[in-house]
Amino acid sequence: MVNVIWFLLIAIGIIFSFFTGNVDTINNSILNNGKEALDLVLSILPIIVLWTGILRIAEDAGLLKRFAKLVEPLLSHIFPDIPQNNKALGFIASNIAANMLGLGSAATPFGLKAMQELQKINDKKDTASTPMITFLVLNTAGVTIVPTTVLALRIAHGSANPSEIIIPGIIATFCSSLGGLLLDYFIRKRRRV
């Protein structure tokens, strides 16, 4: 569906440019923005590769499993419908750890594995279960300690102090996580009544 929306927006823009005589603007925009996007990706890539490598080392060293064991008691309260010692809790903890380091691309495989494990314990296979929804809320609004992509963007655009957004980012993502989880809790409680 999103592909259709993007296609329609682009098609409408191109058609509109023909009718208003701004075809040169579209051509210049396509060429210049493509180059700018490539330059941006090339400037961000080293930082993302570095943090992904660090996370991979942490995963191979067993740090993510230790973190998972550390937060599993908390996760059992957030996800009361998931049985104890279920693999899903470990994948959820690993996803949270990766997201905390700002590594969305490294967190994605853990998130997909967590959803697969949650689907195995889902009674209604065609409907998202309560733990799936809670995980989606936590994953979307999760606390980020090191926002690597934002830091990379700030460095790429010449920020004088690219790391000044870390503390406000932690506060904002903590508030969004807490707000999302509270809303999820109240909606879940209301449905059960």
C-alpha atoms as a PDB file:
ATOM      1  CA  MET A   1       0.000   0.000   0.000  1.00  0.00           C
ATOM      2  CA  VAL A   2       2.828   2.404   0.823  1.00  0.00           C
ATOM      3  CA  ASN A   3       4.376   1.662  -2.574  1.00  0.00           C
ATOM      4  CA  VAL A   4       1.149   2.732  -4.252  1.00  0.00           C
ATOM      5  CA  ILE A   5       1.030   5.965  -2.253  1.00  0.00           C
ATOM      6  CA  TRP A   6       4.655   6.816  -3.128  1.00  0.00           C
ATOM      7  CA  PHE A   7       4.038   5.991  -6.793  1.00  0.00           C
ATOM      8  CA  LEU A   8       0.962   8.244  -6.858  1.00  0.00           C
ATOM      9  CA  LEU A   9       2.809  11.120  -5.181  1.00  0.00           C
ATOM     10  CA  ILE A  10       5.693  10.885  -7.644  1.00  0.00           C
ATOM     11  CA  ALA A  11       3.393  10.503 -10.649  1.00  0.00           C
ATOM     12  CA  ILE A  12       1.260  13.479  -9.588  1.00  0.00           C
ATOM     13  CA  GLY A  13       4.415  15.589  -9.108  1.00  0.00           C
ATOM     14  CA  ILE A  14       5.756  14.697 -12.557  1.00  0.00           C
ATOM     15  CA  ILE A  15       2.397  15.299 -14.275  1.00  0.00           C
ATOM     16  CA  PHE A  16       2.007  18.608 -12.436  1.00  0.00           C
ATOM     17  CA  SER A  17       5.509  19.660 -13.568  1.00  0.00           C
ATOM     18  CA  PHE A  18       4.538  19.018 -17.209  1.00  0.00           C
ATOM     19  CA  PHE A  19       1.413  21.167 -16.924  1.00  0.00           C
ATOM     20  CA  THR A  20       3.209  24.032 -15.149  1.00  0.00           C
ATOM     21  CA  GLY A  21       6.313  23.941 -17.357  1.00  0.00           C
ATOM     22  CA  ASN A  22       8.698  22.948 -14.563  1.00  0.00           C
ATOM     23  CA  VAL A  23      10.138  19.778 -16.112  1.00  0.00           C
ATOM     24  CA  ASP A  24      13.682  21.148 -15.708  1.00  0.00           C
ATOM     25  CA  THR A  25      13.095  21.491 -11.967  1.00  0.00           C
ATOM     26  CA  ILE A  26      12.102  17.812 -11.725  1.00  0.00           C
ATOM     27  CA  ASN A  27      15.137  16.718 -13.755  1.00  0.00           C
ATOM     28  CA  ASN A  28      17.544  18.812 -11.662  1.00  0.00           C
ATOM     29  CA  SER A  29      15.920  17.622  -8.455  1.00  0.00           C
ATOM     30  CA  ILE A  30      16.222  13.946  -9.429  1.00  0.00           C
ATOM     31  CA  LEU A  31      19.888  14.299 -10.380  1.00  0.00           C
ATOM     32  CA  ASN A  32      20.978  16.498  -7.455  1.00  0.00           C
ATOM     33  CA  ASN A  33      19.003  14.669  -4.753  1.00  0.00           C
ATOM     34  CA  GLY A  34      20.304  11.310  -5.926  1.00  0.00           C
ATOM     35  CA  LYS A  35      23.885  12.531  -5.527  1.00  0.00           C
ATOM     36  CA  GLU A  36      23.140  14.087  -2.129  1.00  0.00           C
ATOM     37  CA  ALA A  37      21.492  10.866  -0.933  1.00  0.00           C
ATOM     38  CA  LEU A  38      24.490   8.802  -2.030  1.00  0.00           C
ATOM     39  CA  ASP A  39      26.909  11.213  -0.307  1.00  0.00           C
ATOM     40  CA  LEU A  40      24.824  11.027   2.872  1.00  0.00           C
ATOM     41  CA  VAL A  41      24.725   7.220   2.839  1.00  0.00           C
ATOM     42  CA  LEU A  42      28.476   7.052   2.277  1.00  0.00           C
ATOM     43  CA  SER A  43      29.120   9.405   5.199  1.00  0.00           C
ATOM     44  CA  ILE A  44      26.799   7.497   7.576  1.00  0.00           C
ATOM     45  CA  LEU A  45      27.906   4.008   6.574  1.00  0.00           C
ATOM     46  CA  PRO A  46      31.206   3.859   8.526  1.00  0.00           C
ATOM     47  CA  ILE A  47      29.543   4.764  11.834  1.00  0.00           C
ATOM     48  CA  ILE A  48      26.725   2.264  11.353  1.00  0.00           C
ATOM     49  CA  VAL A  49      29.219  -0.444  10.361  1.00  0.00           C
ATOM     50  CA  LEU A  50      31.315   0.323  13.457  1.00  0.00           C
ATOM     51  CA  TRP A  51      28.372   0.040  15.860  1.00  0.00           C
ATOM     52  CA  THR A  52      26.984  -3.016  14.110  1.00  0.00           C
ATOM     53  CA  GLY A  53      30.409  -4.638  14.485  1.00  0.00           C
ATOM     54  CA  ILE A  54      30.564  -3.724  18.169  1.00  0.00           C
ATOM     55  CA  LEU A  55      27.110  -5.215  18.700  1.00  0.00           C
ATOM     56  CA  ARG A  56      28.140  -8.358  16.828  1.00  0.00           C
ATOM     57  CA  ILE A  57      31.179  -8.705  19.101  1.00  0.00           C
ATOM     58  CA  ALA A  58      28.910  -8.185  22.122  1.00  0.00           C
ATOM     59  CA  GLU A  59      26.547 -10.844  20.772  1.00  0.00           C
ATOM     60  CA  ASP A  60      29.399 -13.321  20.141  1.00  0.00           C
ATOM     61  CA  ALA A  61      30.811 -12.627  23.620  1.00  0.00           C
ATOM     62  CA  GLY A  62      27.430 -13.450  25.155  1.00  0.00           C
ATOM     63  CA  LEU A  63      26.739  -9.931  26.423  1.00  0.00           C
ATOM     64  CA  LEU A  64      23.329  -9.789  24.745  1.00  0.00           C
ATOM     65  CA  LYS A  65      22.349 -13.083  26.405  1.00  0.00           C
ATOM     66  CA  ARG A  66      23.489 -11.722  29.771  1.00  0.00           C
ATOM     67  CA  PHE A  67      21.504  -8.552  29.161  1.00  0.00           C
ATOM     68  CA  ALA A  68      18.518 -10.693  28.178  1.00  0.00           C
ATOM     69  CA  LYS A  69      18.795 -12.663  31.438  1.00  0.00           C
ATOM     70  CA  LEU A  70      19.099  -9.406  33.343  1.00  0.00           C
ATOM     71  CA  VAL A  71      15.932  -7.867  31.880  1.00  0.00           C
ATOM     72  CA  GLU A  72      13.844 -11.050  31.592  1.00  0.00           C
ATOM     73  CA  PRO A  73      12.239 -10.538  35.047  1.00  0.00           C
ATOM     74  CA  LEU A  74      11.155  -7.051  33.953  1.00  0.00           C
ATOM     75  CA  LEU A  75       9.988  -8.371  30.582  1.00  0.00           C
ATOM     76  CA  SER A  76       7.903 -11.070  32.317  1.00  0.00           C
ATOM     77  CA  HIS A  77       5.922  -8.262  33.990  1.00  0.00           C
ATOM     78  CA  ILE A  78       5.559  -6.318  30.743  1.00  0.00           C
ATOM     79  CA  PHE A  79       4.630  -9.526  28.846  1.00  0.00           C
ATOM     80  CA  PRO A  80       2.609 -11.579  31.358  1.00  0.00           C
ATOM     81  CA  ASP A  81       1.081 -13.770  28.603  1.00  0.00           C
ATOM     82  CA  ILE A  82       4.473 -15.148  27.488  1.00  0.00           C
ATOM     83  CA  PRO A  83       5.421 -18.349  29.333  1.00  0.00           C
ATOM     84  CA  GLN A  84       8.599 -18.316  31.455  1.00  0.00           C
ATOM     85  CA  ASN A  85      11.838 -19.289  29.648  1.00  0.00           C
ATOM     86  CA  ASN A  86      10.222 -18.814  26.231  1.00  0.00           C
ATOM     87  CA  LYS A  87      12.701 -17.960  23.451  1.00  0.00           C
ATOM     88  CA  ALA A  88      10.634 -14.889  22.603  1.00  0.00           C
ATOM     89  CA  LEU A  89      11.756 -13.127  25.795  1.00  0.00           C
ATOM     90  CA  GLY A  90      15.418 -13.560  24.839  1.00  0.00           C
ATOM     91  CA  PHE A  91      14.815 -12.229  21.334  1.00  0.00           C
ATOM     92  CA  ILE A  92      12.817  -9.313  22.719  1.00  0.00           C
ATOM     93  CA  ALA A  93      15.655  -8.491  25.154  1.00  0.00           C
ATOM     94  CA  SER A  94      18.223  -8.665  22.339  1.00  0.00           C
ATOM     95  CA  ASN A  95      16.045  -6.415  20.185  1.00  0.00           C
ATOM     96  CA  ILE A  96      15.788  -3.918  23.032  1.00  0.00           C
ATOM     97  CA  ALA A  97      19.574  -3.983  23.549  1.00  0.00           C
ATOM     98  CA  ALA A  98      20.234  -3.334  19.869  1.00  0.00           C
ATOM     99  CA  ASN A  99      17.664  -0.539  19.747  1.00  0.00           C
ATOM    100  CA  MET A 100      19.181   1.042  22.866  1.00  0.00           C
ATOM    101  CA  LEU A 101      22.459   1.303  20.964  1.00  0.00           C
ATOM    102  CA  GLY A 102      20.624   2.904  18.040  1.00  0.00           C
ATOM    103  CA  LEU A 103      21.170  -0.086  15.767  1.00  0.00           C
ATOM    104  CA  GLY A 104      17.793  -0.546  14.145  1.00  0.00           C
ATOM    105  CA  SER A 105      19.281  -2.631  11.348  1.00  0.00           C
ATOM    106  CA  ALA A 106      20.896  -5.005  13.862  1.00  0.00           C
ATOM    107  CA  ALA A 107      17.717  -5.084  15.967  1.00  0.00           C
ATOM    108  CA  THR A 108      15.492  -6.126  13.062  1.00  0.00           C
ATOM    109  CA  PRO A 109      16.528  -9.821  12.925  1.00  0.00           C
ATOM    110  CA  PHE A 110      15.905 -10.145  16.683  1.00  0.00           C
ATOM    111  CA  GLY A 111      12.536  -8.455  16.286  1.00  0.00           C
ATOM    112  CA  LEU A 112      11.532 -10.791  13.462  1.00  0.00           C
ATOM    113  CA  LYS A 113      12.608 -13.850  15.479  1.00  0.00           C
ATOM    114  CA  ALA A 114      10.686 -12.554  18.490  1.00  0.00           C
ATOM    115  CA  MET A 115       7.555 -12.148  16.365  1.00  0.00           C
ATOM    116  CA  GLN A 116       7.981 -15.689  14.986  1.00  0.00           C
ATOM    117  CA  GLU A 117       8.220 -17.072  18.527  1.00  0.00           C
ATOM    118  CA  LEU A 118       5.218 -14.990  19.614  1.00  0.00           C
ATOM    119  CA  GLN A 119       3.248 -16.314  16.640  1.00  0.00           C
ATOM    120  CA  LYS A 120       3.935 -19.877  17.822  1.00  0.00           C
ATOM    121  CA  ILE A 121       2.118 -19.190  21.106  1.00  0.00           C
ATOM    122  CA  ASN A 122      -0.627 -17.123  19.445  1.00  0.00           C
ATOM    123  CA  ASP A 123      -4.087 -18.742  19.610  1.00  0.00           C
ATOM    124  CA  LYS A 124      -5.497 -16.717  16.717  1.00  0.00           C
ATOM    125  CA  LYS A 125      -2.988 -17.031  13.895  1.00  0.00           C
ATOM    126  CA  ASP A 126      -4.665 -14.345  11.750  1.00  0.00           C
ATOM    127  CA  THR A 127      -4.718 -11.714  14.528  1.00  0.00           C
ATOM    128  CA  ALA A 128      -1.891 -10.056  16.436  1.00  0.00           C
ATOM    129  CA  SER A 129      -1.778 -11.254  20.028  1.00  0.00           C
ATOM    130  CA  THR A 130      -1.471  -8.972  23.041  1.00  0.00           C
ATOM    131  CA  PRO A 131       2.265  -9.732  23.482  1.00  0.00           C
ATOM    132  CA  MET A 132       2.828  -8.953  19.776  1.00  0.00           C
ATOM    133  CA  ILE A 133       1.146  -5.575  20.143  1.00  0.00           C
ATOM    134  CA  THR A 134       3.058  -4.782  23.345  1.00  0.00           C
ATOM    135  CA  PHE A 135       6.341  -5.737  21.663  1.00  0.00           C
ATOM    136  CA  LEU A 136       5.522  -3.547  18.679  1.00  0.00           C
ATOM    137  CA  VAL A 137       4.819  -0.608  21.009  1.00  0.00           C
ATOM    138  CA  LEU A 138       8.056  -1.205  22.925  1.00  0.00           C
ATOM    139  CA  ASN A 139      10.056  -1.671  19.722  1.00  0.00           C
ATOM    140  CA  THR A 140       8.644   1.459  18.098  1.00  0.00           C
ATOM    141  CA  ALA A 141       8.984   3.745  21.123  1.00  0.00           C
ATOM    142  CA  GLY A 142      12.044   2.072  22.668  1.00  0.00           C
ATOM    143  CA  VAL A 143      14.665   3.854  24.731  1.00  0.00           C
ATOM    144  CA  THR A 144      17.718   4.803  22.667  1.00  0.00           C
ATOM    145  CA  ILE A 145      20.946   5.516  24.532  1.00  0.00           C
ATOM    146  CA  VAL A 146      23.229   5.935  21.517  1.00  0.00           C
ATOM    147  CA  PRO A 147      21.307   7.222  18.469  1.00  0.00           C
ATOM    148  CA  THR A 148      23.970   6.203  15.947  1.00  0.00           C
ATOM    149  CA  THR A 149      22.093   7.264  12.825  1.00  0.00           C
ATOM    150  CA  VAL A 150      21.282  10.711  14.214  1.00  0.00           C
ATOM    151  CA  LEU A 151      24.865  11.141  15.396  1.00  0.00           C
ATOM    152  CA  ALA A 152      26.128  10.123  11.962  1.00  0.00           C
ATOM    153  CA  LEU A 153      23.788  12.611  10.293  1.00  0.00           C
ATOM    154  CA  ARG A 154      24.906  15.395  12.607  1.00  0.00           C
ATOM    155  CA  ILE A 155      28.571  14.573  11.920  1.00  0.00           C
ATOM    156  CA  ALA A 156      27.931  14.421   8.167  1.00  0.00           C
ATOM    157  CA  HIS A 157      26.348  17.879   8.227  1.00  0.00           C
ATOM    158  CA  GLY A 158      29.163  19.448  10.250  1.00  0.00           C
ATOM    159  CA  SER A 159      27.596  19.780  13.693  1.00  0.00           C
ATOM    160  CA  ALA A 160      29.913  21.441  16.215  1.00  0.00           C
ATOM    161  CA  ASN A 161      28.762  19.068  18.976  1.00  0.00           C
ATOM    162  CA  PRO A 162      26.991  16.061  17.465  1.00  0.00           C
ATOM    163  CA  SER A 163      26.666  14.228  20.785  1.00  0.00           C
ATOM    164  CA  GLU A 164      24.693  16.998  22.526  1.00  0.00           C
ATOM    165  CA  ILE A 165      21.456  15.244  21.562  1.00  0.00           C
ATOM    166  CA  ILE A 166      22.207  12.089  23.568  1.00  0.00           C
ATOM    167  CA  ILE A 167      20.704  13.223  26.917  1.00  0.00           C
ATOM    168  CA  PRO A 168      17.590  14.843  25.373  1.00  0.00           C
ATOM    169  CA  GLY A 169      17.236  11.724  23.185  1.00  0.00           C
ATOM    170  CA  ILE A 170      17.354   9.412  26.197  1.00  0.00           C
ATOM    171  CA  ILE A 171      14.738  11.518  27.990  1.00  0.00           C
ATOM    172  CA  ALA A 172      12.474  11.702  24.928  1.00  0.00           C
ATOM    173  CA  THR A 173      12.691   7.984  24.139  1.00  0.00           C
ATOM    174  CA  PHE A 174      12.212   7.057  27.818  1.00  0.00           C
ATOM    175  CA  CYS A 175       9.057   9.202  27.927  1.00  0.00           C
ATOM    176  CA  SER A 176       7.766   7.731  24.659  1.00  0.00           C
ATOM    177  CA  SER A 177       8.441   4.184  25.908  1.00  0.00           C
ATOM    178  CA  LEU A 178       6.751   4.823  29.230  1.00  0.00           C
ATOM    179  CA  GLY A 179       3.801   6.534  27.559  1.00  0.00           C
ATOM    180  CA  GLY A 180       3.411   3.772  24.979  1.00  0.00           C
ATOM    181  CA  LEU A 181       3.596   0.999  27.575  1.00  0.00           C
ATOM    182  CA  LEU A 182       1.131   2.759  29.894  1.00  0.00           C
ATOM    183  CA  LEU A 183      -1.325   3.265  27.043  1.00  0.00           C
ATOM    184  CA  ASP A 184      -0.891  -0.372  26.007  1.00  0.00           C
ATOM    185  CA  TYR A 185      -1.453  -1.489  29.627  1.00  0.00           C
ATOM    186  CA  PHE A 186      -4.647   0.538  30.033  1.00  0.00           C
ATOM    187  CA  ILE A 187      -6.062  -0.611  26.701  1.00  0.00           C
ATOM    188  CA  ARG A 188      -5.178  -4.230  27.549  1.00  0.00           C
ATOM    189  CA  LYS A 189      -6.797  -3.901  30.983  1.00  0.00           C
ATOM    190  CA  ARG A 190      -9.900  -2.291  29.505  1.00  0.00           C
ATOM    191  CA  ARG A 191     -10.357  -5.129  27.006  1.00  0.00           C
ATOM    192  CA  ARG A 192     -10.167  -7.766  29.738  1.00  0.00           C
ATOM    193  CA  VAL A 193     -12.897  -6.077  31.806  1.00  0.00           C
END
